[in-house]
Protein backbone atom coordinates (compact mmCIF):
# COMPACT_ATOMS: atom_id res chain seq x y z
CA UNK A 1 13.49 -21.82 -40.00
CA UNK A 2 11.93 -23.43 -36.91
CA UNK A 3 13.66 -21.02 -34.70
CA UNK A 4 12.32 -18.01 -36.69
CA UNK A 5 8.82 -19.67 -36.41
CA UNK A 6 8.99 -20.10 -32.77
CA UNK A 7 10.17 -16.55 -32.43
CA UNK A 8 7.22 -15.18 -34.50
CA UNK A 9 4.65 -17.10 -32.72
CA UNK A 10 6.02 -16.07 -29.26
CA UNK A 11 6.13 -12.47 -30.39
CA UNK A 12 2.29 -12.55 -31.57
CA UNK A 13 1.31 -14.36 -28.31
CA UNK A 14 3.40 -12.10 -25.98
CA UNK A 15 1.52 -8.86 -26.85
CA UNK A 16 -0.80 -9.78 -23.90
CA UNK A 17 1.70 -8.47 -21.46
CA UNK A 18 1.94 -5.13 -19.71
CA UNK A 19 2.76 -2.04 -21.68
CA UNK A 20 6.35 -1.80 -20.32
CA UNK A 21 6.90 -5.46 -21.35
CA UNK A 22 5.29 -4.86 -24.67
CA UNK A 23 7.95 -2.44 -25.66
CA UNK A 24 10.64 -5.08 -25.03
CA UNK A 25 8.60 -7.61 -27.03
CA UNK A 26 8.10 -5.22 -29.84
CA UNK A 27 11.82 -4.76 -30.23
CA UNK A 28 12.29 -8.46 -30.23
CA UNK A 29 9.70 -8.83 -32.94
CA UNK A 30 11.32 -5.98 -34.96
CA UNK A 31 14.67 -7.84 -34.84
CA UNK A 32 13.04 -10.59 -36.89
CA UNK A 33 12.42 -8.19 -39.78
CA UNK A 34 14.53 -6.85 -42.73
CA UNK A 35 15.05 -3.15 -42.65
CA UNK A 36 12.81 -2.80 -45.79
CA UNK A 37 10.10 -5.00 -44.68
CA UNK A 38 6.80 -4.60 -46.39
CA UNK A 39 3.51 -4.73 -44.53
CA UNK A 40 0.31 -5.35 -46.26
CA UNK A 41 -2.83 -5.43 -44.08
CA UNK A 42 -5.78 -5.97 -46.18
CA UNK A 43 -8.14 -4.16 -47.02
CA UNK A 44 -6.50 -1.16 -45.14
CA UNK A 45 -2.93 -1.27 -46.73
CA UNK A 46 -3.01 -2.38 -50.29
CA UNK A 47 0.58 -1.50 -51.10
CA UNK A 48 2.98 -4.35 -50.57
CA UNK A 49 6.07 -2.54 -51.69
CA UNK A 50 9.26 -2.81 -49.70
CA UNK A 51 10.66 0.59 -48.55
CA UNK A 52 14.02 1.52 -47.05
CA UNK A 53 12.42 2.47 -43.78
CA UNK A 54 9.89 -0.40 -43.52
CA UNK A 55 11.13 -1.54 -40.09
CA UNK A 56 10.84 2.14 -38.78
CA UNK A 57 7.34 2.33 -40.18
CA UNK A 58 6.40 -0.85 -38.41
CA UNK A 59 7.85 0.35 -35.13
CA UNK A 60 5.72 3.49 -35.44
CA UNK A 61 2.62 1.65 -36.31
CA UNK A 62 2.91 -1.05 -33.74
CA UNK A 63 3.79 1.65 -31.02
CA UNK A 64 0.49 3.41 -31.82
CA UNK A 65 -1.34 0.12 -31.82
CA UNK A 66 0.05 -0.90 -28.46
CA UNK A 67 -0.69 2.54 -27.03
CA UNK A 68 -4.38 2.14 -27.92
CA UNK A 69 -4.93 -1.23 -26.46
CA UNK A 70 -5.17 -1.93 -22.65
CA UNK A 71 -5.90 -5.67 -23.32
CA UNK A 72 -4.73 -8.03 -26.03
CA UNK A 73 -4.88 -11.76 -26.12
CA UNK A 74 -4.16 -14.23 -29.22
CA UNK A 75 -4.67 -17.99 -29.62
CA UNK A 76 -2.82 -19.78 -32.35
CA UNK A 77 -5.11 -21.95 -34.54
CA UNK A 78 -2.81 -23.08 -37.32
CA UNK A 79 0.73 -22.84 -38.58
CA UNK A 80 1.85 -23.73 -42.05
CA UNK A 81 5.48 -23.79 -43.15
CA UNK A 82 6.50 -23.47 -46.90
CA UNK A 83 10.12 -24.62 -47.05
CA UNK A 84 12.37 -21.74 -46.12
CA UNK A 85 10.30 -19.12 -48.02
CA UNK A 86 7.18 -18.57 -46.01
CA UNK A 87 5.18 -19.19 -42.75
CA UNK A 88 1.48 -18.66 -42.39
CA UNK A 89 -0.04 -18.37 -38.98
CA UNK A 90 -3.77 -18.43 -38.44
CA UNK A 91 -4.92 -17.12 -35.01
CA UNK A 92 -7.83 -15.37 -33.16
CA UNK A 93 -7.10 -12.18 -31.26
CA UNK A 94 -9.14 -10.19 -28.79
CA UNK A 95 -8.29 -6.55 -28.18
CA UNK A 96 -9.69 -3.89 -25.96
CA UNK A 97 -8.68 -0.21 -25.34
CA UNK A 98 -9.35 3.38 -26.12
CA UNK A 99 -8.63 4.90 -29.47
CA UNK A 100 -6.11 7.71 -29.07
CA UNK A 101 -7.38 9.76 -31.80
CA UNK A 102 -11.12 9.95 -30.84
CA UNK A 103 -11.10 8.62 -27.19
CA UNK A 104 -13.76 6.05 -28.09
CA UNK A 105 -13.79 2.63 -26.42
CA UNK A 106 -12.70 -0.05 -28.83
CA UNK A 107 -13.15 -3.80 -28.43
CA UNK A 108 -13.01 -6.52 -31.16
CA UNK A 109 -12.45 -10.21 -31.58
CA UNK A 110 -11.24 -11.53 -35.01
CA UNK A 111 -9.56 -14.33 -36.92
CA UNK A 112 -6.35 -13.45 -38.68
CA UNK A 113 -3.98 -15.12 -40.91
CA UNK A 114 -0.39 -13.61 -41.26
CA UNK A 115 1.69 -14.79 -44.34
CA UNK A 116 5.19 -14.05 -43.59
CA UNK A 117 7.61 -14.18 -46.57
CA UNK A 118 11.22 -15.01 -45.51
CA UNK A 119 14.37 -13.72 -47.09
CA UNK A 120 17.94 -14.66 -45.65
CA UNK A 121 16.40 -15.84 -42.39
CA UNK A 122 14.35 -12.58 -41.78
CA UNK A 123 10.85 -11.61 -42.43
CA UNK A 124 10.78 -9.52 -45.66
CA UNK A 125 7.01 -9.27 -46.32
CA UNK A 126 4.03 -9.39 -43.89
CA UNK A 127 0.60 -10.06 -45.53
CA UNK A 128 -2.36 -9.85 -42.96
CA UNK A 129 -5.75 -11.26 -43.83
CA UNK A 130 -8.91 -11.13 -41.86
CA UNK A 131 -11.50 -14.07 -42.03
């Protein structure tokens, strides 16, 4: 469980690297997920159902996200471990870039808490909350 936690924290923090390196980091992050991972990002994604192609959907979404951002930095605030079943990580993030659909500049800073539900040593459900 501690190794999984360390890998997750590293993956979150490493998205501040270059785009070429980000692809490698993305694949390392995806390796921590079950194939049918659920991703719930409230209030944008309310459905928390696990689907067979969940990991593929995460790859598509994260690739879009990484392509839109030229800068990203995260700072871990708190970590909570709930036996072998879940990890919660609270962090601040700052991102900047150009939105690929409307070519508008974007920049934001926010505090996030990710709750990661663990199954057989892999992340099965991701729930993302904004403060």
